Amino acid sequence: MRWLLCALVWAVGMTGALYVASETKVGPLVVRLSRNHGVHLGDLVAVGTAAAIGVAATTAALLTRPR
């Protein structure tokens, strides 16, 4: 059950990060992908935050004992 919850945390976090990346243009442009598209600093912050939460959930799942 804890692994299912961990997978859910990752899925929701990364879906949220992709939504932020697709809908916002926060911060300076870090990488230009084409004339109309690029990676903004806010996109990197969103993905980094989601990844940190996912790593925390995975670490908690690894370090706790099931009852």
Protein backbone atom coordinates (compact mmCIF):
# COMPACT_ATOMS: atom_id res chain seq x y z
CA MET A 1 0.00 0.00 0.00
CA ARG A 2 2.81 2.42 0.81
CA TRP A 3 4.35 1.86 -2.65
CA LEU A 4 1.04 2.65 -4.28
CA LEU A 5 0.85 5.88 -2.29
CA CYS A 6 4.45 6.65 -3.26
CA ALA A 7 3.64 6.14 -6.95
CA LEU A 8 0.58 8.36 -6.57
CA VAL A 9 2.70 11.13 -5.01
CA TRP A 10 5.13 10.96 -7.95
CA ALA A 11 2.34 10.90 -10.54
CA VAL A 12 0.48 13.87 -9.04
CA GLY A 13 3.68 15.83 -8.50
CA MET A 14 4.98 15.37 -12.03
CA THR A 15 1.55 16.00 -13.56
CA GLY A 16 1.40 19.26 -11.63
CA ALA A 17 4.91 20.18 -12.76
CA LEU A 18 4.04 19.49 -16.40
CA TYR A 19 0.89 21.59 -16.03
CA VAL A 20 2.89 24.51 -14.61
CA ALA A 21 5.45 24.15 -17.41
CA SER A 22 2.77 24.15 -20.11
CA GLU A 23 0.63 26.98 -18.76
CA THR A 24 3.04 29.53 -17.32
CA LYS A 25 6.06 31.54 -18.40
CA VAL A 26 7.51 32.36 -14.98
CA GLY A 27 11.07 33.61 -14.79
CA PRO A 28 13.74 34.08 -17.39
CA LEU A 29 14.19 31.73 -20.32
CA VAL A 30 16.84 29.12 -19.50
CA VAL A 31 16.80 27.02 -22.69
CA ARG A 32 15.23 27.99 -26.01
CA LEU A 33 13.71 24.93 -27.69
CA SER A 34 12.26 26.70 -30.72
CA ARG A 35 11.14 30.16 -31.74
CA ASN A 36 7.94 29.84 -29.67
CA HIS A 37 8.95 27.39 -26.94
CA GLY A 38 11.50 27.18 -24.18
CA VAL A 39 12.24 26.15 -20.62
CA HIS A 40 11.75 28.90 -18.05
CA LEU A 41 13.25 29.06 -14.57
CA GLY A 42 9.78 28.56 -13.06
CA ASP A 43 9.48 25.27 -14.96
CA LEU A 44 12.70 24.05 -13.38
CA VAL A 45 11.55 25.12 -9.92
CA ALA A 46 8.23 23.27 -10.39
CA VAL A 47 9.95 20.07 -11.53
CA GLY A 48 12.57 20.33 -8.77
CA THR A 49 9.91 20.82 -6.11
CA ALA A 50 7.85 17.88 -7.37
CA ALA A 51 10.97 15.71 -7.50
CA ALA A 52 11.97 16.68 -3.95
CA ILE A 53 8.52 15.75 -2.67
CA GLY A 54 8.68 12.46 -4.58
CA VAL A 55 12.12 11.66 -3.17
CA ALA A 56 10.89 12.45 0.35
CA ALA A 57 7.90 10.11 -0.11
CA THR A 58 10.12 7.36 -1.52
CA THR A 59 12.64 7.75 1.30
CA ALA A 60 9.85 7.57 3.88
CA ALA A 61 8.50 4.43 2.19
CA LEU A 62 11.94 2.82 2.24
CA LEU A 63 12.75 3.70 5.84
CA THR A 64 9.45 2.76 7.48
CA ARG A 65 8.37 -0.71 8.41
CA PRO A 66 4.94 -1.97 7.45
CA ARG A 67 2.86 -3.19 10.36
